[in-house]
C-alpha atoms as a PDB file:
ATOM      1  CA  UNK A   1      58.494 140.168  -4.606  1.00  0.00           C
ATOM      2  CA  UNK A   2      56.841 137.783  -7.049  1.00  0.00           C
ATOM      3  CA  UNK A   3      58.754 134.584  -7.805  1.00  0.00           C
ATOM      4  CA  UNK A   4      59.033 133.826 -11.523  1.00  0.00           C
ATOM      5  CA  UNK A   5      59.855 130.664 -13.434  1.00  0.00           C
ATOM      6  CA  UNK A   6      63.232 132.256 -14.245  1.00  0.00           C
ATOM      7  CA  UNK A   7      63.982 132.526 -10.518  1.00  0.00           C
ATOM      8  CA  UNK A   8      63.168 128.840 -10.026  1.00  0.00           C
ATOM      9  CA  UNK A   9      65.354 127.855 -13.002  1.00  0.00           C
ATOM     10  CA  UNK A  10      68.288 129.947 -11.727  1.00  0.00           C
ATOM     11  CA  UNK A  11      68.068 128.477  -8.227  1.00  0.00           C
ATOM     12  CA  UNK A  12      67.930 124.927  -9.578  1.00  0.00           C
ATOM     13  CA  UNK A  13      70.648 125.528 -12.160  1.00  0.00           C
ATOM     14  CA  UNK A  14      68.447 124.457 -15.071  1.00  0.00           C
ATOM     15  CA  UNK A  15      66.674 126.064 -18.001  1.00  0.00           C
ATOM     16  CA  UNK A  16      63.157 127.487 -17.847  1.00  0.00           C
ATOM     17  CA  UNK A  17      62.070 124.708 -20.212  1.00  0.00           C
ATOM     18  CA  UNK A  18      63.161 122.094 -17.665  1.00  0.00           C
ATOM     19  CA  UNK A  19      61.154 123.780 -14.901  1.00  0.00           C
ATOM     20  CA  UNK A  20      58.181 123.941 -17.280  1.00  0.00           C
ATOM     21  CA  UNK A  21      58.397 120.189 -17.878  1.00  0.00           C
ATOM     22  CA  UNK A  22      58.188 119.578 -14.147  1.00  0.00           C
ATOM     23  CA  UNK A  23      55.270 121.985 -13.743  1.00  0.00           C
ATOM     24  CA  UNK A  24      53.356 120.339 -16.590  1.00  0.00           C
ATOM     25  CA  UNK A  25      54.185 116.798 -15.407  1.00  0.00           C
ATOM     26  CA  UNK A  26      56.025 115.904 -18.589  1.00  0.00           C
ATOM     27  CA  UNK A  27      58.256 112.877 -17.863  1.00  0.00           C
ATOM     28  CA  UNK A  28      60.759 113.330 -20.696  1.00  0.00           C
ATOM     29  CA  UNK A  29      64.025 115.251 -20.401  1.00  0.00           C
ATOM     30  CA  UNK A  30      64.245 115.503 -16.596  1.00  0.00           C
ATOM     31  CA  UNK A  31      65.947 112.922 -14.370  1.00  0.00           C
ATOM     32  CA  UNK A  32      64.305 111.759 -11.156  1.00  0.00           C
ATOM     33  CA  UNK A  33      66.883 113.460  -8.902  1.00  0.00           C
ATOM     34  CA  UNK A  34      66.708 116.805 -10.717  1.00  0.00           C
ATOM     35  CA  UNK A  35      62.900 116.609 -10.835  1.00  0.00           C
ATOM     36  CA  UNK A  36      62.799 116.088  -7.063  1.00  0.00           C
ATOM     37  CA  UNK A  37      65.144 119.048  -6.546  1.00  0.00           C
ATOM     38  CA  UNK A  38      63.003 121.349  -8.694  1.00  0.00           C
ATOM     39  CA  UNK A  39      59.822 120.189  -6.990  1.00  0.00           C
ATOM     40  CA  UNK A  40      61.382 120.888  -3.577  1.00  0.00           C
ATOM     41  CA  UNK A  41      62.221 124.451  -4.659  1.00  0.00           C
ATOM     42  CA  UNK A  42      58.695 124.920  -5.997  1.00  0.00           C
ATOM     43  CA  UNK A  43      57.231 123.753  -2.706  1.00  0.00           C
ATOM     44  CA  UNK A  44      59.613 125.882  -0.637  1.00  0.00           C
ATOM     45  CA  UNK A  45      58.935 129.079  -2.579  1.00  0.00           C
ATOM     46  CA  UNK A  46      55.197 128.455  -2.979  1.00  0.00           C
ATOM     47  CA  UNK A  47      55.556 129.226  -6.672  1.00  0.00           C
ATOM     48  CA  UNK A  48      52.259 129.375  -8.598  1.00  0.00           C
ATOM     49  CA  UNK A  49      52.503 129.349 -12.384  1.00  0.00           C
ATOM     50  CA  UNK A  50      50.449 131.822 -14.383  1.00  0.00           C
ATOM     51  CA  UNK A  51      47.428 130.058 -15.786  1.00  0.00           C
ATOM     52  CA  UNK A  52      47.228 132.590 -18.590  1.00  0.00           C
ATOM     53  CA  UNK A  53      50.854 132.072 -19.567  1.00  0.00           C
ATOM     54  CA  UNK A  54      50.489 128.303 -19.370  1.00  0.00           C
ATOM     55  CA  UNK A  55      47.432 128.539 -21.594  1.00  0.00           C
ATOM     56  CA  UNK A  56      49.380 130.469 -24.200  1.00  0.00           C
ATOM     57  CA  UNK A  57      52.119 127.860 -24.147  1.00  0.00           C
ATOM     58  CA  UNK A  58      49.912 124.756 -24.213  1.00  0.00           C
ATOM     59  CA  UNK A  59      46.893 126.053 -26.101  1.00  0.00           C
ATOM     60  CA  UNK A  60      44.714 125.097 -23.120  1.00  0.00           C
ATOM     61  CA  UNK A  61      43.381 127.156 -20.240  1.00  0.00           C
ATOM     62  CA  UNK A  62      42.682 124.091 -18.057  1.00  0.00           C
ATOM     63  CA  UNK A  63      39.307 125.600 -17.226  1.00  0.00           C
ATOM     64  CA  UNK A  64      35.766 124.428 -17.920  1.00  0.00           C
ATOM     65  CA  UNK A  65      32.455 126.295 -17.957  1.00  0.00           C
ATOM     66  CA  UNK A  66      29.346 124.827 -16.336  1.00  0.00           C
ATOM     67  CA  UNK A  67      25.953 126.448 -16.964  1.00  0.00           C
ATOM     68  CA  UNK A  68      22.989 125.455 -14.785  1.00  0.00           C
ATOM     69  CA  UNK A  69      19.422 126.841 -14.810  1.00  0.00           C
ATOM     70  CA  UNK A  70      18.704 127.416 -11.105  1.00  0.00           C
ATOM     71  CA  UNK A  71      21.339 127.511  -8.355  1.00  0.00           C
ATOM     72  CA  UNK A  72      18.627 127.952  -5.694  1.00  0.00           C
ATOM     73  CA  UNK A  73      17.208 124.487  -6.386  1.00  0.00           C
ATOM     74  CA  UNK A  74      18.879 122.080  -3.900  1.00  0.00           C
ATOM     75  CA  UNK A  75      19.246 119.496  -6.673  1.00  0.00           C
ATOM     76  CA  UNK A  76      22.029 121.441  -8.402  1.00  0.00           C
ATOM     77  CA  UNK A  77      24.763 121.911  -5.758  1.00  0.00           C
ATOM     78  CA  UNK A  78      25.456 118.158  -5.620  1.00  0.00           C
ATOM     79  CA  UNK A  79      25.521 118.026  -9.421  1.00  0.00           C
ATOM     80  CA  UNK A  80      28.027 120.909  -9.452  1.00  0.00           C
ATOM     81  CA  UNK A  81      30.113 119.192  -6.772  1.00  0.00           C
ATOM     82  CA  UNK A  82      30.343 116.063  -8.911  1.00  0.00           C
ATOM     83  CA  UNK A  83      31.596 118.122 -11.862  1.00  0.00           C
ATOM     84  CA  UNK A  84      34.058 120.111  -9.764  1.00  0.00           C
ATOM     85  CA  UNK A  85      35.597 117.111  -7.987  1.00  0.00           C
ATOM     86  CA  UNK A  86      36.233 115.312 -11.275  1.00  0.00           C
ATOM     87  CA  UNK A  87      37.793 118.430 -12.796  1.00  0.00           C
ATOM     88  CA  UNK A  88      39.994 119.056  -9.757  1.00  0.00           C
ATOM     89  CA  UNK A  89      41.437 115.562 -10.038  1.00  0.00           C
ATOM     90  CA  UNK A  90      42.399 116.356 -13.620  1.00  0.00           C
ATOM     91  CA  UNK A  91      43.941 119.749 -12.769  1.00  0.00           C
ATOM     92  CA  UNK A  92      41.081 121.819 -14.192  1.00  0.00           C
ATOM     93  CA  UNK A  93      39.228 124.754 -12.653  1.00  0.00           C
ATOM     94  CA  UNK A  94      35.534 125.540 -12.990  1.00  0.00           C
ATOM     95  CA  UNK A  95      33.579 128.622 -14.061  1.00  0.00           C
ATOM     96  CA  UNK A  96      30.019 128.266 -12.728  1.00  0.00           C
ATOM     97  CA  UNK A  97      27.210 130.196 -14.442  1.00  0.00           C
ATOM     98  CA  UNK A  98      23.543 130.378 -13.392  1.00  0.00           C
ATOM     99  CA  UNK A  99      21.152 131.141 -16.265  1.00  0.00           C
ATOM    100  CA  UNK A 100      18.003 131.616 -14.129  1.00  0.00           C
ATOM    101  CA  UNK A 101      16.190 129.436 -16.652  1.00  0.00           C
ATOM    102  CA  UNK A 102      16.614 132.174 -19.273  1.00  0.00           C
ATOM    103  CA  UNK A 103      17.765 131.006 -22.706  1.00  0.00           C
ATOM    104  CA  UNK A 104      19.011 134.495 -23.666  1.00  0.00           C
ATOM    105  CA  UNK A 105      21.138 134.658 -20.511  1.00  0.00           C
ATOM    106  CA  UNK A 106      22.377 131.142 -21.230  1.00  0.00           C
ATOM    107  CA  UNK A 107      23.554 132.153 -24.710  1.00  0.00           C
ATOM    108  CA  UNK A 108      25.284 135.201 -23.231  1.00  0.00           C
ATOM    109  CA  UNK A 109      27.126 132.938 -20.791  1.00  0.00           C
ATOM    110  CA  UNK A 110      28.216 130.699 -23.667  1.00  0.00           C
ATOM    111  CA  UNK A 111      29.758 133.749 -25.358  1.00  0.00           C
ATOM    112  CA  UNK A 112      31.439 134.880 -22.122  1.00  0.00           C
ATOM    113  CA  UNK A 113      32.927 131.433 -21.502  1.00  0.00           C
ATOM    114  CA  UNK A 114      34.311 131.299 -25.037  1.00  0.00           C
ATOM    115  CA  UNK A 115      35.857 134.754 -24.515  1.00  0.00           C
ATOM    116  CA  UNK A 116      37.440 133.428 -21.300  1.00  0.00           C
ATOM    117  CA  UNK A 117      39.068 130.718 -23.403  1.00  0.00           C
ATOM    118  CA  UNK A 118      37.589 127.721 -21.557  1.00  0.00           C
ATOM    119  CA  UNK A 119      38.583 124.348 -22.965  1.00  0.00           C
ATOM    120  CA  UNK A 120      35.007 123.063 -22.911  1.00  0.00           C
ATOM    121  CA  UNK A 121      31.477 123.607 -21.615  1.00  0.00           C
ATOM    122  CA  UNK A 122      29.024 121.452 -19.673  1.00  0.00           C
ATOM    123  CA  UNK A 123      25.501 122.663 -20.306  1.00  0.00           C
ATOM    124  CA  UNK A 124      22.420 121.977 -18.205  1.00  0.00           C
ATOM    125  CA  UNK A 125      20.187 123.999 -20.452  1.00  0.00           C
ATOM    126  CA  UNK A 126      17.305 126.310 -19.643  1.00  0.00           C
ATOM    127  CA  UNK A 127      15.369 124.894 -22.606  1.00  0.00           C
ATOM    128  CA  UNK A 128      14.862 121.506 -24.213  1.00  0.00           C
ATOM    129  CA  UNK A 129      13.455 122.672 -27.545  1.00  0.00           C
ATOM    130  CA  UNK A 130      16.237 124.979 -28.782  1.00  0.00           C
ATOM    131  CA  UNK A 131      19.816 124.078 -29.710  1.00  0.00           C
ATOM    132  CA  UNK A 132      20.825 127.584 -30.841  1.00  0.00           C
ATOM    133  CA  UNK A 133      23.299 127.916 -27.955  1.00  0.00           C
ATOM    134  CA  UNK A 134      25.065 124.783 -29.173  1.00  0.00           C
ATOM    135  CA  UNK A 135      25.544 126.356 -32.592  1.00  0.00           C
ATOM    136  CA  UNK A 136      27.764 128.981 -30.947  1.00  0.00           C
ATOM    137  CA  UNK A 137      30.013 126.311 -29.418  1.00  0.00           C
ATOM    138  CA  UNK A 138      30.173 124.233 -32.576  1.00  0.00           C
ATOM    139  CA  UNK A 139      31.036 127.278 -34.698  1.00  0.00           C
ATOM    140  CA  UNK A 140      34.121 127.873 -32.523  1.00  0.00           C
ATOM    141  CA  UNK A 141      34.997 124.200 -32.179  1.00  0.00           C
ATOM    142  CA  UNK A 142      34.545 124.232 -28.394  1.00  0.00           C
ATOM    143  CA  UNK A 143      33.871 120.732 -26.975  1.00  0.00           C
ATOM    144  CA  UNK A 144      30.691 120.475 -24.919  1.00  0.00           C
ATOM    145  CA  UNK A 145      28.556 117.960 -23.058  1.00  0.00           C
ATOM    146  CA  UNK A 146      24.878 118.338 -22.225  1.00  0.00           C
ATOM    147  CA  UNK A 147      23.826 117.329 -18.718  1.00  0.00           C
ATOM    148  CA  UNK A 148      20.508 116.311 -17.120  1.00  0.00           C
ATOM    149  CA  UNK A 149      18.231 118.015 -19.659  1.00  0.00           C
ATOM    150  CA  UNK A 150      18.065 116.686 -23.223  1.00  0.00           C
ATOM    151  CA  UNK A 151      18.264 119.360 -25.928  1.00  0.00           C
ATOM    152  CA  UNK A 152      16.208 118.379 -28.957  1.00  0.00           C
ATOM    153  CA  UNK A 153      17.798 118.900 -32.355  1.00  0.00           C
ATOM    154  CA  UNK A 154      18.990 117.300 -35.546  1.00  0.00           C
ATOM    155  CA  UNK A 155      22.188 115.897 -34.027  1.00  0.00           C
ATOM    156  CA  UNK A 156      22.649 113.579 -31.055  1.00  0.00           C
ATOM    157  CA  UNK A 157      24.976 115.401 -28.663  1.00  0.00           C
ATOM    158  CA  UNK A 158      27.335 113.963 -26.071  1.00  0.00           C
ATOM    159  CA  UNK A 159      25.508 113.978 -22.781  1.00  0.00           C
ATOM    160  CA  UNK A 160      24.782 112.457 -19.368  1.00  0.00           C
ATOM    161  CA  UNK A 161      21.172 111.936 -18.338  1.00  0.00           C
ATOM    162  CA  UNK A 162      18.894 110.081 -15.970  1.00  0.00           C
ATOM    163  CA  UNK A 163      16.391 107.501 -17.201  1.00  0.00           C
ATOM    164  CA  UNK A 164      13.474 109.765 -16.246  1.00  0.00           C
ATOM    165  CA  UNK A 165      10.899 107.509 -17.862  1.00  0.00           C
ATOM    166  CA  UNK A 166      11.980 104.591 -15.696  1.00  0.00           C
ATOM    167  CA  UNK A 167      12.030 106.817 -12.600  1.00  0.00           C
ATOM    168  CA  UNK A 168       8.401 107.810 -13.181  1.00  0.00           C
ATOM    169  CA  UNK A 169       7.502 104.170 -13.838  1.00  0.00           C
ATOM    170  CA  UNK A 170       8.951 103.117 -10.479  1.00  0.00           C
ATOM    171  CA  UNK A 171       6.950 105.705  -8.530  1.00  0.00           C
ATOM    172  CA  UNK A 172       3.638 105.380 -10.352  1.00  0.00           C
ATOM    173  CA  UNK A 173       3.722 101.573 -10.417  1.00  0.00           C
ATOM    174  CA  UNK A 174       4.224 101.517  -6.653  1.00  0.00           C
ATOM    175  CA  UNK A 175       1.200 103.769  -6.160  1.00  0.00           C
ATOM    176  CA  UNK A 176      -1.156 102.688  -8.955  1.00  0.00           C
ATOM    177  CA  UNK A 177      -0.723  98.979  -8.219  1.00  0.00           C
ATOM    178  CA  UNK A 178      -2.435  99.587  -4.864  1.00  0.00           C
ATOM    179  CA  UNK A 179      -6.150  98.903  -4.899  1.00  0.00           C
ATOM    180  CA  UNK A 180      -8.319 101.995  -5.109  1.00  0.00           C
ATOM    181  CA  UNK A 181      -5.451 104.379  -5.865  1.00  0.00           C
ATOM    182  CA  UNK A 182      -6.552 107.821  -7.052  1.00  0.00           C
ATOM    183  CA  UNK A 183      -3.359 109.551  -8.129  1.00  0.00           C
ATOM    184  CA  UNK A 184      -2.572 113.247  -8.411  1.00  0.00           C
ATOM    185  CA  UNK A 185       0.478 113.872 -10.626  1.00  0.00           C
ATOM    186  CA  UNK A 186       2.315 117.186 -10.232  1.00  0.00           C
ATOM    187  CA  UNK A 187       4.455 117.573 -13.321  1.00  0.00           C
ATOM    188  CA  UNK A 188       7.182 120.146 -13.949  1.00  0.00           C
ATOM    189  CA  UNK A 189       7.357 122.621 -16.877  1.00  0.00           C
ATOM    190  CA  UNK A 190       5.772 120.926 -19.892  1.00  0.00           C
ATOM    191  CA  UNK A 191       8.550 121.924 -22.316  1.00  0.00           C
ATOM    192  CA  UNK A 192      11.355 120.302 -20.305  1.00  0.00           C
ATOM    193  CA  UNK A 193      12.614 116.923 -21.467  1.00  0.00           C
ATOM    194  CA  UNK A 194      12.443 115.503 -17.936  1.00  0.00           C
ATOM    195  CA  UNK A 195       8.747 116.401 -17.664  1.00  0.00           C
ATOM    196  CA  UNK A 196       7.906 114.812 -21.009  1.00  0.00           C
ATOM    197  CA  UNK A 197       9.703 111.601 -20.116  1.00  0.00           C
ATOM    198  CA  UNK A 198       8.089 111.394 -16.678  1.00  0.00           C
ATOM    199  CA  UNK A 199       4.629 111.736 -18.250  1.00  0.00           C
ATOM    200  CA  UNK A 200       5.587 108.935 -20.651  1.00  0.00           C
ATOM    201  CA  UNK A 201       6.631 106.712 -17.733  1.00  0.00           C
ATOM    202  CA  UNK A 202       3.337 107.363 -15.953  1.00  0.00           C
ATOM    203  CA  UNK A 203       1.376 106.602 -19.142  1.00  0.00           C
ATOM    204  CA  UNK A 204       3.269 103.302 -19.459  1.00  0.00           C
ATOM    205  CA  UNK A 205       2.066 102.178 -16.042  1.00  0.00           C
ATOM    206  CA  UNK A 206      -1.527 103.352 -16.579  1.00  0.00           C
ATOM    207  CA  UNK A 207      -1.697 101.188 -19.718  1.00  0.00           C
ATOM    208  CA  UNK A 208       0.020  98.218 -18.064  1.00  0.00           C
ATOM    209  CA  UNK A 209      -2.421  98.309 -15.133  1.00  0.00           C
ATOM    210  CA  UNK A 210      -5.389  98.620 -17.496  1.00  0.00           C
ATOM    211  CA  UNK A 211      -6.565 101.764 -15.759  1.00  0.00           C
ATOM    212  CA  UNK A 212      -8.612 104.601 -17.273  1.00  0.00           C
ATOM    213  CA  UNK A 213      -6.861 107.932 -17.701  1.00  0.00           C
ATOM    214  CA  UNK A 214      -9.410 109.366 -15.266  1.00  0.00           C
ATOM    215  CA  UNK A 215      -7.609 107.467 -12.489  1.00  0.00           C
ATOM    216  CA  UNK A 216      -4.889 110.151 -12.647  1.00  0.00           C
ATOM    217  CA  UNK A 217      -5.406 113.870 -12.105  1.00  0.00           C
ATOM    218  CA  UNK A 218      -2.752 115.957 -13.881  1.00  0.00           C
ATOM    219  CA  UNK A 219      -1.422 119.242 -12.504  1.00  0.00           C
ATOM    220  CA  UNK A 220       1.171 121.480 -14.177  1.00  0.00           C
ATOM    221  CA  UNK A 221       3.708 122.981 -11.776  1.00  0.00           C
ATOM    222  CA  UNK A 222       6.975 124.901 -12.023  1.00  0.00           C
ATOM    223  CA  UNK A 223       9.253 122.746  -9.829  1.00  0.00           C
ATOM    224  CA  UNK A 224       8.899 125.030  -6.791  1.00  0.00           C
ATOM    225  CA  UNK A 225       7.596 124.404  -3.256  1.00  0.00           C
ATOM    226  CA  UNK A 226       5.054 127.186  -3.747  1.00  0.00           C
ATOM    227  CA  UNK A 227       3.749 125.511  -6.894  1.00  0.00           C
ATOM    228  CA  UNK A 228       3.180 122.162  -5.180  1.00  0.00           C
ATOM    229  CA  UNK A 229       1.463 123.780  -2.214  1.00  0.00           C
ATOM    230  CA  UNK A 230      -0.773 125.965  -4.390  1.00  0.00           C
ATOM    231  CA  UNK A 231      -1.906 123.180  -6.729  1.00  0.00           C
ATOM    232  CA  UNK A 232      -2.708 120.651  -4.009  1.00  0.00           C
ATOM    233  CA  UNK A 233      -4.255 123.381  -1.839  1.00  0.00           C
ATOM    234  CA  UNK A 234      -6.578 124.445  -4.672  1.00  0.00           C
ATOM    235  CA  UNK A 235      -7.584 120.823  -5.303  1.00  0.00           C
ATOM    236  CA  UNK A 236      -8.413 120.352  -1.616  1.00  0.00           C
ATOM    237  CA  UNK A 237     -10.351 123.639  -1.601  1.00  0.00           C
ATOM    238  CA  UNK A 238     -12.524 122.396  -4.451  1.00  0.00           C
ATOM    239  CA  UNK A 239     -13.118 119.116  -2.634  1.00  0.00           C
ATOM    240  CA  UNK A 240     -14.044 120.860   0.599  1.00  0.00           C
ATOM    241  CA  UNK A 241     -16.556 123.135  -1.105  1.00  0.00           C
ATOM    242  CA  UNK A 242     -18.012 120.531  -3.475  1.00  0.00           C
ATOM    243  CA  UNK A 243     -20.850 118.034  -3.019  1.00  0.00           C
ATOM    244  CA  UNK A 244     -18.817 114.897  -3.707  1.00  0.00           C
ATOM    245  CA  UNK A 245     -19.085 113.315  -0.284  1.00  0.00           C
ATOM    246  CA  UNK A 246     -16.351 112.614   2.210  1.00  0.00           C
ATOM    247  CA  UNK A 247     -13.741 110.966  -0.021  1.00  0.00           C
ATOM    248  CA  UNK A 248     -10.649 112.999  -0.831  1.00  0.00           C
ATOM    249  CA  UNK A 249     -10.206 113.773  -4.564  1.00  0.00           C
ATOM    250  CA  UNK A 250      -6.969 111.709  -4.491  1.00  0.00           C
ATOM    251  CA  UNK A 251      -5.197 109.410  -2.060  1.00  0.00           C
ATOM    252  CA  UNK A 252      -1.719 109.549  -3.598  1.00  0.00           C
ATOM    253  CA  UNK A 253       0.520 112.315  -4.958  1.00  0.00           C
ATOM    254  CA  UNK A 254       3.488 111.839  -7.271  1.00  0.00           C
ATOM    255  CA  UNK A 255       5.441 115.046  -7.820  1.00  0.00           C
ATOM    256  CA  UNK A 256       7.934 115.695 -10.620  1.00  0.00           C
ATOM    257  CA  UNK A 257      10.498 116.911  -8.097  1.00  0.00           C
ATOM    258  CA  UNK A 258      11.023 116.917  -4.335  1.00  0.00           C
ATOM    259  CA  UNK A 259      10.339 120.637  -3.950  1.00  0.00           C
ATOM    260  CA  UNK A 260       6.812 120.299  -5.334  1.00  0.00           C
ATOM    261  CA  UNK A 261       6.312 117.189  -3.181  1.00  0.00           C
ATOM    262  CA  UNK A 262       7.312 119.175  -0.089  1.00  0.00           C
ATOM    263  CA  UNK A 263       4.844 121.876  -1.130  1.00  0.00           C
ATOM    264  CA  UNK A 264       2.168 119.198  -1.417  1.00  0.00           C
ATOM    265  CA  UNK A 265       3.000 118.013   2.107  1.00  0.00           C
ATOM    266  CA  UNK A 266       2.543 121.572   3.369  1.00  0.00           C
ATOM    267  CA  UNK A 267      -0.902 121.808   1.791  1.00  0.00           C
ATOM    268  CA  UNK A 268      -1.968 118.413   3.137  1.00  0.00           C
ATOM    269  CA  UNK A 269      -0.881 119.430   6.632  1.00  0.00           C
ATOM    270  CA  UNK A 270      -2.835 122.702   6.420  1.00  0.00           C
ATOM    271  CA  UNK A 271      -5.976 120.721   5.559  1.00  0.00           C
ATOM    272  CA  UNK A 272      -5.320 118.187   8.336  1.00  0.00           C
ATOM    273  CA  UNK A 273      -4.904 115.337   5.854  1.00  0.00           C
ATOM    274  CA  UNK A 274      -2.843 112.516   7.334  1.00  0.00           C
ATOM    275  CA  UNK A 275       0.263 111.339   5.462  1.00  0.00           C
ATOM    276  CA  UNK A 276       0.609 108.494   4.568  1.00  0.00           C
ATOM    277  CA  UNK A 277      -2.631 107.139   6.119  1.00  0.00           C
ATOM    278  CA  UNK A 278      -4.971 109.208   3.907  1.00  0.00           C
ATOM    279  CA  UNK A 279      -2.617 110.389   1.162  1.00  0.00           C
ATOM    280  CA  UNK A 280       0.740 108.918   0.144  1.00  0.00           C
ATOM    281  CA  UNK A 281       3.367 111.205  -1.407  1.00  0.00           C
ATOM    282  CA  UNK A 282       6.388 110.430  -3.600  1.00  0.00           C
ATOM    283  CA  UNK A 283       8.816 113.047  -4.957  1.00  0.00           C
ATOM    284  CA  UNK A 284      11.663 112.938  -7.462  1.00  0.00           C
ATOM    285  CA  UNK A 285      15.396 113.786  -7.059  1.00  0.00           C
ATOM    286  CA  UNK A 286      16.223 112.774  -3.453  1.00  0.00           C
ATOM    287  CA  UNK A 287      17.605 116.133  -2.382  1.00  0.00           C
ATOM    288  CA  UNK A 288      18.955 116.357   1.171  1.00  0.00           C
ATOM    289  CA  UNK A 289      15.812 118.160   2.325  1.00  0.00           C
ATOM    290  CA  UNK A 290      13.747 115.054   1.491  1.00  0.00           C
ATOM    291  CA  UNK A 291      15.095 113.331   4.599  1.00  0.00           C
ATOM    292  CA  UNK A 292      14.587 116.367   6.843  1.00  0.00           C
ATOM    293  CA  UNK A 293      10.852 116.975   6.374  1.00  0.00           C
ATOM    294  CA  UNK A 294       8.390 115.200   8.678  1.00  0.00           C
ATOM    295  CA  UNK A 295       7.491 112.568   7.719  1.00  0.00           C
ATOM    296  CA  UNK A 296      10.585 111.912   5.623  1.00  0.00           C
ATOM    297  CA  UNK A 297       9.787 112.033   1.915  1.00  0.00           C
ATOM    298  CA  UNK A 298       9.658 108.924  -0.264  1.00  0.00           C
ATOM    299  CA  UNK A 299      11.250 109.768  -3.591  1.00  0.00           C
ATOM    300  CA  UNK A 300      12.858 108.645  -6.822  1.00  0.00           C
ATOM    301  CA  UNK A 301      16.570 108.979  -6.174  1.00  0.00           C
ATOM    302  CA  UNK A 302      18.995 110.229  -8.814  1.00  0.00           C
ATOM    303  CA  UNK A 303      22.746 109.500  -8.693  1.00  0.00           C
ATOM    304  CA  UNK A 304      23.247 113.258  -8.883  1.00  0.00           C
ATOM    305  CA  UNK A 305      26.897 113.473  -7.854  1.00  0.00           C
ATOM    306  CA  UNK A 306      27.849 110.670 -10.244  1.00  0.00           C
ATOM    307  CA  UNK A 307      25.992 112.365 -13.106  1.00  0.00           C
ATOM    308  CA  UNK A 308      28.106 115.468 -12.574  1.00  0.00           C
ATOM    309  CA  UNK A 309      31.313 113.439 -12.380  1.00  0.00           C
ATOM    310  CA  UNK A 310      30.540 111.463 -15.526  1.00  0.00           C
ATOM    311  CA  UNK A 311      29.759 114.615 -17.504  1.00  0.00           C
ATOM    312  CA  UNK A 312      33.145 116.106 -16.552  1.00  0.00           C
ATOM    313  CA  UNK A 313      34.973 112.877 -17.425  1.00  0.00           C
ATOM    314  CA  UNK A 314      33.206 112.705 -20.795  1.00  0.00           C
ATOM    315  CA  UNK A 315      34.097 116.315 -21.588  1.00  0.00           C
ATOM    316  CA  UNK A 316      37.756 115.771 -20.647  1.00  0.00           C
ATOM    317  CA  UNK A 317      37.903 112.876 -23.113  1.00  0.00           C
ATOM    318  CA  UNK A 318      36.597 115.153 -25.869  1.00  0.00           C
ATOM    319  CA  UNK A 319      39.085 117.894 -24.942  1.00  0.00           C
ATOM    320  CA  UNK A 320      41.909 115.371 -25.198  1.00  0.00           C
ATOM    321  CA  UNK A 321      40.828 114.403 -28.702  1.00  0.00           C
ATOM    322  CA  UNK A 322      39.082 111.153 -27.829  1.00  0.00           C
ATOM    323  CA  UNK A 323      35.706 110.276 -29.320  1.00  0.00           C
ATOM    324  CA  UNK A 324      33.812 107.917 -26.989  1.00  0.00           C
ATOM    325  CA  UNK A 325      31.811 105.295 -28.875  1.00  0.00           C
ATOM    326  CA  UNK A 326      28.729 105.891 -26.750  1.00  0.00           C
ATOM    327  CA  UNK A 327      27.565 109.475 -27.065  1.00  0.00           C
ATOM    328  CA  UNK A 328      25.110 109.447 -24.175  1.00  0.00           C
ATOM    329  CA  UNK A 329      25.348 108.014 -20.668  1.00  0.00           C
ATOM    330  CA  UNK A 330      21.961 107.131 -19.168  1.00  0.00           C
ATOM    331  CA  UNK A 331      21.977 106.547 -15.437  1.00  0.00           C
ATOM    332  CA  UNK A 332      19.444 104.524 -13.464  1.00  0.00           C
ATOM    333  CA  UNK A 333      17.106 105.859 -10.762  1.00  0.00           C
ATOM    334  CA  UNK A 334      15.997 103.995  -7.640  1.00  0.00           C
ATOM    335  CA  UNK A 335      12.818 104.249  -5.573  1.00  0.00           C
ATOM    336  CA  UNK A 336      13.512 105.192  -1.949  1.00  0.00           C
ATOM    337  CA  UNK A 337      10.569 104.588   0.409  1.00  0.00           C
ATOM    338  CA  UNK A 338      10.382 106.625   3.599  1.00  0.00           C
ATOM    339  CA  UNK A 339       7.635 107.954   5.833  1.00  0.00           C
ATOM    340  CA  UNK A 340       5.246 109.435   3.233  1.00  0.00           C
ATOM    341  CA  UNK A 341       4.308 106.033   1.774  1.00  0.00           C
ATOM    342  CA  UNK A 342       2.787 102.923   3.308  1.00  0.00           C
ATOM    343  CA  UNK A 343       4.900  99.819   3.822  1.00  0.00           C
ATOM    344  CA  UNK A 344       3.145  97.258   1.626  1.00  0.00           C
ATOM    345  CA  UNK A 345       4.870  94.391   3.428  1.00  0.00           C
ATOM    346  CA  UNK A 346       2.901  95.098   6.625  1.00  0.00           C
END
């Protein structure tokens, strides 16, 4: 038999409103002794209030929607965990949606989440050049925060991001400052904000070092292991078949994410190219897999968990009617050197 709030009130000898105050952690109107008694009954009976009923009473569902573009990418689970942990501390639950990098599917998820009555949405968008999905949220007055990927538009949205330009600067400066560096840059999808900013960071260093643009070979990937392996493999094929002598076409690889860097390592191994003696490799993200490959991958590390946490905290402020002075939180990357780069101190 299902226990109701009326049963709890009857057993405690109080009104349903008093039990509701205890359930919703409202301090007024309930003495400490009576509150403790009601809480003991709640614990003993294992009573769970109806989220739907509570939502009707408070006007809030205490649920949040999170939309990400690719759940199979190892970067995202830690981001999701950061969001979820912050929401759990605040008594909120999470609806997780995977858009598969499809803007149409993303918009459908926005509609579904609004139908579910979520109190807000955190959006890691499939696209950087379209804010049409945000129009849906704004039309219904649903608070939202953008995460990781900047969505270009007329209005500056609340969001949490990494300083991708600085991350690319750290990696390329480490490599290009070494004498005789011939760099291959594997960038992600050209229309993503992260990719654009990482190109900008690389360009900054090329100009600072006074190097010609020909010192960097650009490759366009899709953030997958297969992409990194294919692009570097094709470049090595061309070198092997060409008349350019014994020098490799590059002696350093900077990849726009760790998955492409791991793909590059695969290709280098297949062609018996020694890492880091002949070619150094740096990735971007610092996913767990980066430490498990051999040699361990040097990479630009993101505070991924913290980015998720901060996005949830920012959204909760908006839900509670607060308007933070700073609309965007930009977090700092760090360069982590492991086995795929040379130790310059030796």
